[in-house]
């Protein structure tokens, strides 16, 4: 995750350098740094599964619970049984 985030963090500085060199033709390009930073941050989060809330919830329930865990689907079929 670190390489994608580091690349994303470079874009705001790159925009500052380009603007200070006068390569923008008078146009304001600051928003491009923000957009590219956000894109790389989202790619890093997707790549490492931080948006998969169900998996994260199950992981938290398993590792932080001292109780038995029974997970049912919408049809009330047992999908996971974990005993501690």
PDB file of N, CA and C in Angstrom:
ATOM      1  N   UNK A   1       0.820  -1.184   0.000  1.00  0.00           N
ATOM      2  CA  UNK A   1       0.000   0.000   0.000  1.00  0.00           C
ATOM      3  C   UNK A   1       0.865   1.248   0.000  1.00  0.00           C
ATOM      4  N   UNK A   2       2.002   1.172   0.623  1.00  0.00           N
ATOM      5  CA  UNK A   2       2.867   2.340   0.738  1.00  0.00           C
ATOM      6  C   UNK A   2       3.307   2.920  -0.601  1.00  0.00           C
ATOM      7  N   UNK A   3       3.675   2.097  -1.598  1.00  0.00           N
ATOM      8  CA  UNK A   3       4.102   2.710  -2.865  1.00  0.00           C
ATOM      9  C   UNK A   3       3.006   3.535  -3.539  1.00  0.00           C
ATOM     10  N   UNK A   4       1.782   3.034  -3.531  1.00  0.00           N
ATOM     11  CA  UNK A   4       0.698   3.806  -4.148  1.00  0.00           C
ATOM     12  C   UNK A   4       0.438   5.105  -3.402  1.00  0.00           C
ATOM     13  N   UNK A   5       0.473   5.040  -2.073  1.00  0.00           N
ATOM     14  CA  UNK A   5       0.258   6.258  -1.293  1.00  0.00           C
ATOM     15  C   UNK A   5       1.400   7.253  -1.470  1.00  0.00           C
ATOM     16  N   UNK A   6       2.615   6.763  -1.549  1.00  0.00           N
ATOM     17  CA  UNK A   6       3.755   7.667  -1.761  1.00  0.00           C
ATOM     18  C   UNK A   6       3.681   8.347  -3.123  1.00  0.00           C
ATOM     19  N   UNK A   7       3.287   7.599  -4.142  1.00  0.00           N
ATOM     20  CA  UNK A   7       3.117   8.210  -5.471  1.00  0.00           C
ATOM     21  C   UNK A   7       2.029   9.265  -5.419  1.00  0.00           C
ATOM     22  N   UNK A   8       0.925   8.938  -4.764  1.00  0.00           N
ATOM     23  CA  UNK A   8      -0.165   9.901  -4.643  1.00  0.00           C
ATOM     24  C   UNK A   8       0.229  11.149  -3.886  1.00  0.00           C
ATOM     25  N   UNK A   9       1.101  11.004  -2.892  1.00  0.00           N
ATOM     26  CA  UNK A   9       1.534  12.174  -2.118  1.00  0.00           C
ATOM     27  C   UNK A   9       2.457  13.084  -2.920  1.00  0.00           C
ATOM     28  N   UNK A  10       3.048  12.594  -3.972  1.00  0.00           N
ATOM     29  CA  UNK A  10       3.956  13.402  -4.789  1.00  0.00           C
ATOM     30  C   UNK A  10       3.216  14.362  -5.723  1.00  0.00           C
ATOM     31  N   UNK A  11       1.980  14.065  -6.078  1.00  0.00           N
ATOM     32  CA  UNK A  11       1.273  14.885  -7.053  1.00  0.00           C
ATOM     33  C   UNK A  11       1.048  16.326  -6.622  1.00  0.00           C
ATOM     34  N   UNK A  12       0.662  16.623  -5.371  1.00  0.00           N
ATOM     35  CA  UNK A  12       0.522  18.038  -5.004  1.00  0.00           C
ATOM     36  C   UNK A  12       1.837  18.810  -5.144  1.00  0.00           C
ATOM     37  N   UNK A  13       2.948  18.155  -4.800  1.00  0.00           N
ATOM     38  CA  UNK A  13       4.246  18.817  -4.933  1.00  0.00           C
ATOM     39  C   UNK A  13       4.626  18.987  -6.401  1.00  0.00           C
ATOM     40  N   UNK A  14       4.292  18.017  -7.206  1.00  0.00           N
ATOM     41  CA  UNK A  14       4.560  18.115  -8.635  1.00  0.00           C
ATOM     42  C   UNK A  14       3.799  19.287  -9.252  1.00  0.00           C
ATOM     43  N   UNK A  15       2.574  19.479  -8.824  1.00  0.00           N
ATOM     44  CA  UNK A  15       1.776  20.612  -9.310  1.00  0.00           C
ATOM     45  C   UNK A  15       2.423  21.930  -8.918  1.00  0.00           C
ATOM     46  N   UNK A  16       2.927  22.014  -7.691  1.00  0.00           N
ATOM     47  CA  UNK A  16       3.598  23.246  -7.233  1.00  0.00           C
ATOM     48  C   UNK A  16       4.835  23.518  -8.076  1.00  0.00           C
ATOM     49  N   UNK A  17       5.608  22.484  -8.361  1.00  0.00           N
ATOM     50  CA  UNK A  17       6.828  22.650  -9.168  1.00  0.00           C
ATOM     51  C   UNK A  17       6.469  23.098 -10.584  1.00  0.00           C
ATOM     52  N   UNK A  18       5.487  22.449 -11.183  1.00  0.00           N
ATOM     53  CA  UNK A  18       5.081  22.814 -12.549  1.00  0.00           C
ATOM     54  C   UNK A  18       4.585  24.251 -12.590  1.00  0.00           C
ATOM     55  N   UNK A  19       3.788  24.643 -11.600  1.00  0.00           N
ATOM     56  CA  UNK A  19       3.259  26.012 -11.570  1.00  0.00           C
ATOM     57  C   UNK A  19       4.380  27.031 -11.353  1.00  0.00           C
ATOM     58  N   UNK A  20       5.362  26.712 -10.486  1.00  0.00           N
ATOM     59  CA  UNK A  20       6.453  27.657 -10.225  1.00  0.00           C
ATOM     60  C   UNK A  20       7.388  27.809 -11.425  1.00  0.00           C
ATOM     61  N   UNK A  21       7.434  26.782 -12.283  1.00  0.00           N
ATOM     62  CA  UNK A  21       8.256  26.870 -13.484  1.00  0.00           C
ATOM     63  C   UNK A  21       7.539  27.612 -14.613  1.00  0.00           C
ATOM     64  N   UNK A  22       6.289  27.949 -14.405  1.00  0.00           N
ATOM     65  CA  UNK A  22       5.533  28.699 -15.396  1.00  0.00           C
ATOM     66  C   UNK A  22       5.080  27.866 -16.582  1.00  0.00           C
ATOM     67  N   UNK A  23       4.933  26.574 -16.392  1.00  0.00           N
ATOM     68  CA  UNK A  23       4.550  25.686 -17.484  1.00  0.00           C
ATOM     69  C   UNK A  23       3.035  25.547 -17.659  1.00  0.00           C
ATOM     70  N   UNK A  24       2.254  26.257 -16.866  1.00  0.00           N
ATOM     71  CA  UNK A  24       0.806  26.085 -16.917  1.00  0.00           C
ATOM     72  C   UNK A  24       0.119  27.042 -17.881  1.00  0.00           C
ATOM     73  N   UNK A  25       0.836  27.989 -18.396  1.00  0.00           N
ATOM     74  CA  UNK A  25       0.225  28.958 -19.314  1.00  0.00           C
ATOM     75  C   UNK A  25      -0.772  29.867 -18.624  1.00  0.00           C
ATOM     76  N   UNK A  26      -0.619  30.076 -17.338  1.00  0.00           N
ATOM     77  CA  UNK A  26      -1.519  30.943 -16.590  1.00  0.00           C
ATOM     78  C   UNK A  26      -2.736  30.233 -16.021  1.00  0.00           C
ATOM     79  N   UNK A  27      -2.894  28.959 -16.310  1.00  0.00           N
ATOM     80  CA  UNK A  27      -4.039  28.209 -15.802  1.00  0.00           C
ATOM     81  C   UNK A  27      -3.758  27.682 -14.400  1.00  0.00           C
ATOM     82  N   UNK A  28      -4.796  27.587 -13.603  1.00  0.00           N
ATOM     83  CA  UNK A  28      -4.674  27.054 -12.245  1.00  0.00           C
ATOM     84  C   UNK A  28      -4.849  25.532 -12.308  1.00  0.00           C
ATOM     85  N   UNK A  29      -3.854  24.793 -11.854  1.00  0.00           N
ATOM     86  CA  UNK A  29      -3.907  23.327 -11.939  1.00  0.00           C
ATOM     87  C   UNK A  29      -3.830  22.659 -10.569  1.00  0.00           C
ATOM     88  N   UNK A  30      -4.065  23.398  -9.508  1.00  0.00           N
ATOM     89  CA  UNK A  30      -3.959  22.835  -8.158  1.00  0.00           C
ATOM     90  C   UNK A  30      -4.914  21.680  -7.944  1.00  0.00           C
ATOM     91  N   UNK A  31      -6.096  21.752  -8.550  1.00  0.00           N
ATOM     92  CA  UNK A  31      -7.082  20.695  -8.362  1.00  0.00           C
ATOM     93  C   UNK A  31      -6.593  19.357  -8.921  1.00  0.00           C
ATOM     94  N   UNK A  32      -5.701  19.396  -9.904  1.00  0.00           N
ATOM     95  CA  UNK A  32      -5.181  18.151 -10.464  1.00  0.00           C
ATOM     96  C   UNK A  32      -4.378  17.357  -9.431  1.00  0.00           C
ATOM     97  N   UNK A  33      -3.624  18.060  -8.614  1.00  0.00           N
ATOM     98  CA  UNK A  33      -2.869  17.387  -7.552  1.00  0.00           C
ATOM     99  C   UNK A  33      -3.782  16.700  -6.568  1.00  0.00           C
ATOM    100  N   UNK A  34      -4.886  17.356  -6.226  1.00  0.00           N
ATOM    101  CA  UNK A  34      -5.845  16.773  -5.291  1.00  0.00           C
ATOM    102  C   UNK A  34      -6.526  15.552  -5.920  1.00  0.00           C
ATOM    103  N   UNK A  35      -6.910  15.676  -7.178  1.00  0.00           N
ATOM    104  CA  UNK A  35      -7.596  14.571  -7.857  1.00  0.00           C
ATOM    105  C   UNK A  35      -6.680  13.352  -7.973  1.00  0.00           C
ATOM    106  N   UNK A  36      -5.452  13.554  -8.420  1.00  0.00           N
ATOM    107  CA  UNK A  36      -4.538  12.420  -8.574  1.00  0.00           C
ATOM    108  C   UNK A  36      -4.179  11.792  -7.221  1.00  0.00           C
ATOM    109  N   UNK A  37      -4.041  12.606  -6.185  1.00  0.00           N
ATOM    110  CA  UNK A  37      -3.784  12.071  -4.853  1.00  0.00           C
ATOM    111  C   UNK A  37      -4.951  11.211  -4.389  1.00  0.00           C
ATOM    112  N   UNK A  38      -6.166  11.681  -4.595  1.00  0.00           N
ATOM    113  CA  UNK A  38      -7.349  10.921  -4.197  1.00  0.00           C
ATOM    114  C   UNK A  38      -7.450   9.609  -4.980  1.00  0.00           C
ATOM    115  N   UNK A  39      -7.151   9.657  -6.265  1.00  0.00           N
ATOM    116  CA  UNK A  39      -7.220   8.443  -7.088  1.00  0.00           C
ATOM    117  C   UNK A  39      -6.229   7.395  -6.585  1.00  0.00           C
ATOM    118  N   UNK A  40      -5.005   7.798  -6.307  1.00  0.00           N
ATOM    119  CA  UNK A  40      -4.019   6.832  -5.830  1.00  0.00           C
ATOM    120  C   UNK A  40      -4.358   6.327  -4.433  1.00  0.00           C
ATOM    121  N   UNK A  41      -4.930   7.168  -3.582  1.00  0.00           N
ATOM    122  CA  UNK A  41      -5.336   6.708  -2.252  1.00  0.00           C
ATOM    123  C   UNK A  41      -6.466   5.686  -2.362  1.00  0.00           C
ATOM    124  N   UNK A  42      -7.434   5.935  -3.230  1.00  0.00           N
ATOM    125  CA  UNK A  42      -8.539   4.993  -3.414  1.00  0.00           C
ATOM    126  C   UNK A  42      -8.035   3.685  -4.015  1.00  0.00           C
ATOM    127  N   UNK A  43      -7.119   3.761  -4.970  1.00  0.00           N
ATOM    128  CA  UNK A  43      -6.543   2.532  -5.545  1.00  0.00           C
ATOM    129  C   UNK A  43      -5.843   1.698  -4.472  1.00  0.00           C
ATOM    130  N   UNK A  44      -5.124   2.359  -3.585  1.00  0.00           N
ATOM    131  CA  UNK A  44      -4.439   1.641  -2.509  1.00  0.00           C
ATOM    132  C   UNK A  44      -5.452   0.991  -1.567  1.00  0.00           C
ATOM    133  N   UNK A  45      -6.519   1.695  -1.242  1.00  0.00           N
ATOM    134  CA  UNK A  45      -7.537   1.138  -0.353  1.00  0.00           C
ATOM    135  C   UNK A  45      -8.264  -0.036  -1.002  1.00  0.00           C
ATOM    136  N   UNK A  46      -8.537   0.052  -2.288  1.00  0.00           N
ATOM    137  CA  UNK A  46      -9.197  -1.045  -2.998  1.00  0.00           C
ATOM    138  C   UNK A  46      -8.273  -2.250  -3.104  1.00  0.00           C
ATOM    139  N   UNK A  47      -7.011  -1.996  -3.423  1.00  0.00           N
ATOM    140  CA  UNK A  47      -6.055  -3.094  -3.607  1.00  0.00           C
ATOM    141  C   UNK A  47      -5.921  -3.939  -2.351  1.00  0.00           C
ATOM    142  N   UNK A  48      -5.960  -3.320  -1.197  1.00  0.00           N
ATOM    143  CA  UNK A  48      -5.765  -4.046   0.044  1.00  0.00           C
ATOM    144  C   UNK A  48      -7.062  -4.334   0.788  1.00  0.00           C
ATOM    145  N   UNK A  49      -8.214  -4.166   0.128  1.00  0.00           N
ATOM    146  CA  UNK A  49      -9.493  -4.614   0.661  1.00  0.00           C
ATOM    147  C   UNK A  49     -10.051  -3.820   1.818  1.00  0.00           C
ATOM    148  N   UNK A  50      -9.724  -2.550   1.928  1.00  0.00           N
ATOM    149  CA  UNK A  50     -10.239  -1.762   3.032  1.00  0.00           C
ATOM    150  C   UNK A  50     -11.702  -1.370   2.848  1.00  0.00           C
ATOM    151  N   UNK A  51     -12.260  -1.572   1.658  1.00  0.00           N
ATOM    152  CA  UNK A  51     -13.665  -1.268   1.437  1.00  0.00           C
ATOM    153  C   UNK A  51     -14.546  -2.499   1.600  1.00  0.00           C
ATOM    154  N   UNK A  52     -13.958  -3.633   1.892  1.00  0.00           N
ATOM    155  CA  UNK A  52     -14.728  -4.853   2.082  1.00  0.00           C
ATOM    156  C   UNK A  52     -15.173  -4.929   3.535  1.00  0.00           C
ATOM    157  N   UNK A  53     -16.274  -4.283   3.849  1.00  0.00           N
ATOM    158  CA  UNK A  53     -16.716  -4.149   5.231  1.00  0.00           C
ATOM    159  C   UNK A  53     -17.189  -5.468   5.832  1.00  0.00           C
ATOM    160  N   UNK A  54     -17.747  -6.361   5.033  1.00  0.00           N
ATOM    161  CA  UNK A  54     -18.211  -7.644   5.560  1.00  0.00           C
ATOM    162  C   UNK A  54     -17.022  -8.467   6.042  1.00  0.00           C
ATOM    163  N   UNK A  55     -15.977  -8.529   5.239  1.00  0.00           N
ATOM    164  CA  UNK A  55     -14.787  -9.277   5.640  1.00  0.00           C
ATOM    165  C   UNK A  55     -14.178  -8.661   6.898  1.00  0.00           C
ATOM    166  N   UNK A  56     -14.134  -7.360   6.970  1.00  0.00           N
ATOM    167  CA  UNK A  56     -13.566  -6.689   8.139  1.00  0.00           C
ATOM    168  C   UNK A  56     -14.419  -6.943   9.377  1.00  0.00           C
ATOM    169  N   UNK A  57     -15.736  -6.946   9.223  1.00  0.00           N
ATOM    170  CA  UNK A  57     -16.621  -7.203  10.356  1.00  0.00           C
ATOM    171  C   UNK A  57     -16.460  -8.625  10.875  1.00  0.00           C
ATOM    172  N   UNK A  58     -16.347  -9.584   9.970  1.00  0.00           N
ATOM    173  CA  UNK A  58     -16.148 -10.976  10.386  1.00  0.00           C
ATOM    174  C   UNK A  58     -14.803 -11.138  11.088  1.00  0.00           C
ATOM    175  N   UNK A  59     -13.778 -10.521  10.535  1.00  0.00           N
ATOM    176  CA  UNK A  59     -12.459 -10.596  11.154  1.00  0.00           C
ATOM    177  C   UNK A  59     -12.485 -10.008  12.559  1.00  0.00           C
ATOM    178  N   UNK A  60     -13.117  -8.857  12.721  1.00  0.00           N
ATOM    179  CA  UNK A  60     -13.220  -8.239  14.046  1.00  0.00           C
ATOM    180  C   UNK A  60     -14.014  -9.120  15.000  1.00  0.00           C
ATOM    181  N   UNK A  61     -15.099  -9.707  14.513  1.00  0.00           N
ATOM    182  CA  UNK A  61     -15.916 -10.558  15.376  1.00  0.00           C
ATOM    183  C   UNK A  61     -15.150 -11.792  15.826  1.00  0.00           C
ATOM    184  N   UNK A  62     -14.353 -12.353  14.947  1.00  0.00           N
ATOM    185  CA  UNK A  62     -13.606 -13.562  15.287  1.00  0.00           C
ATOM    186  C   UNK A  62     -12.499 -13.261  16.285  1.00  0.00           C
ATOM    187  N   UNK A  63     -11.729 -12.234  16.040  1.00  0.00           N
ATOM    188  CA  UNK A  63     -10.547 -11.972  16.859  1.00  0.00           C
ATOM    189  C   UNK A  63     -10.832 -11.217  18.148  1.00  0.00           C
ATOM    190  N   UNK A  64     -11.969 -10.541  18.236  1.00  0.00           N
ATOM    191  CA  UNK A  64     -12.240  -9.732  19.427  1.00  0.00           C
ATOM    192  C   UNK A  64     -13.330 -10.324  20.307  1.00  0.00           C
ATOM    193  N   UNK A  65     -13.798 -11.515  19.985  1.00  0.00           N
ATOM    194  CA  UNK A  65     -14.886 -12.112  20.738  1.00  0.00           C
ATOM    195  C   UNK A  65     -14.392 -13.323  21.508  1.00  0.00           C
ATOM    196  N   UNK A  66     -14.976 -13.525  22.670  1.00  0.00           N
ATOM    197  CA  UNK A  66     -14.691 -14.719  23.473  1.00  0.00           C
ATOM    198  C   UNK A  66     -15.861 -15.683  23.427  1.00  0.00           C
ATOM    199  N   UNK A  67     -16.796 -15.464  22.540  1.00  0.00           N
ATOM    200  CA  UNK A  67     -18.020 -16.245  22.467  1.00  0.00           C
ATOM    201  C   UNK A  67     -18.057 -17.075  21.193  1.00  0.00           C
ATOM    202  N   UNK A  68     -19.071 -17.912  21.093  1.00  0.00           N
ATOM    203  CA  UNK A  68     -19.328 -18.686  19.884  1.00  0.00           C
ATOM    204  C   UNK A  68     -19.937 -17.754  18.836  1.00  0.00           C
ATOM    205  N   UNK A  69     -19.619 -18.003  17.571  1.00  0.00           N
ATOM    206  CA  UNK A  69     -20.109 -17.154  16.492  1.00  0.00           C
ATOM    207  C   UNK A  69     -20.885 -18.001  15.499  1.00  0.00           C
ATOM    208  N   UNK A  70     -22.116 -17.609  15.221  1.00  0.00           N
ATOM    209  CA  UNK A  70     -22.967 -18.286  14.255  1.00  0.00           C
ATOM    210  C   UNK A  70     -23.467 -17.249  13.266  1.00  0.00           C
ATOM    211  N   UNK A  71     -23.166 -17.423  11.975  1.00  0.00           N
ATOM    212  CA  UNK A  71     -23.553 -16.467  10.946  1.00  0.00           C
ATOM    213  C   UNK A  71     -24.578 -17.121  10.033  1.00  0.00           C
ATOM    214  N   UNK A  72     -25.705 -16.435   9.821  1.00  0.00           N
ATOM    215  CA  UNK A  72     -26.772 -16.931   8.965  1.00  0.00           C
ATOM    216  C   UNK A  72     -26.906 -16.032   7.744  1.00  0.00           C
ATOM    217  N   UNK A  73     -27.279 -16.628   6.596  1.00  0.00           N
ATOM    218  CA  UNK A  73     -27.533 -15.820   5.408  1.00  0.00           C
ATOM    219  C   UNK A  73     -29.006 -15.394   5.394  1.00  0.00           C
ATOM    220  N   UNK A  74     -29.468 -14.801   4.304  1.00  0.00           N
ATOM    221  CA  UNK A  74     -30.844 -14.295   4.220  1.00  0.00           C
ATOM    222  C   UNK A  74     -31.892 -15.390   4.309  1.00  0.00           C
ATOM    223  N   UNK A  75     -31.537 -16.606   3.917  1.00  0.00           N
ATOM    224  CA  UNK A  75     -32.468 -17.734   3.979  1.00  0.00           C
ATOM    225  C   UNK A  75     -32.357 -18.500   5.293  1.00  0.00           C
ATOM    226  N   UNK A  76     -31.648 -17.936   6.249  1.00  0.00           N
ATOM    227  CA  UNK A  76     -31.421 -18.528   7.565  1.00  0.00           C
ATOM    228  C   UNK A  76     -30.648 -19.848   7.490  1.00  0.00           C
ATOM    229  N   UNK A  77     -29.781 -19.953   6.499  1.00  0.00           N
ATOM    230  CA  UNK A  77     -28.859 -21.086   6.407  1.00  0.00           C
ATOM    231  C   UNK A  77     -27.564 -20.709   7.116  1.00  0.00           C
ATOM    232  N   UNK A  78     -27.024 -21.639   7.852  1.00  0.00           N
ATOM    233  CA  UNK A  78     -25.783 -21.401   8.598  1.00  0.00           C
ATOM    234  C   UNK A  78     -24.614 -21.324   7.617  1.00  0.00           C
ATOM    235  N   UNK A  79     -23.862 -20.228   7.653  1.00  0.00           N
ATOM    236  CA  UNK A  79     -22.718 -20.087   6.759  1.00  0.00           C
ATOM    237  C   UNK A  79     -21.392 -20.221   7.494  1.00  0.00           C
ATOM    238  N   UNK A  80     -21.345 -19.779   8.748  1.00  0.00           N
ATOM    239  CA  UNK A  80     -20.097 -19.854   9.517  1.00  0.00           C
ATOM    240  C   UNK A  80     -20.436 -20.240  10.965  1.00  0.00           C
ATOM    241  N   UNK A  81     -19.706 -21.192  11.509  1.00  0.00           N
ATOM    242  CA  UNK A  81     -19.791 -21.513  12.928  1.00  0.00           C
ATOM    243  C   UNK A  81     -18.371 -21.530  13.478  1.00  0.00           C
ATOM    244  N   UNK A  82     -18.141 -20.724  14.482  1.00  0.00           N
ATOM    245  CA  UNK A  82     -16.820 -20.668  15.105  1.00  0.00           C
ATOM    246  C   UNK A  82     -17.017 -20.763  16.607  1.00  0.00           C
ATOM    247  N   UNK A  83     -16.335 -21.680  17.228  1.00  0.00           N
ATOM    248  CA  UNK A  83     -16.383 -21.805  18.688  1.00  0.00           C
ATOM    249  C   UNK A  83     -15.011 -21.483  19.245  1.00  0.00           C
ATOM    250  N   UNK A  84     -15.037 -20.888  20.396  1.00  0.00           N
ATOM    251  CA  UNK A  84     -13.779 -20.492  21.035  1.00  0.00           C
ATOM    252  C   UNK A  84     -13.518 -21.355  22.231  1.00  0.00           C
TER     253      UNK A  84
END
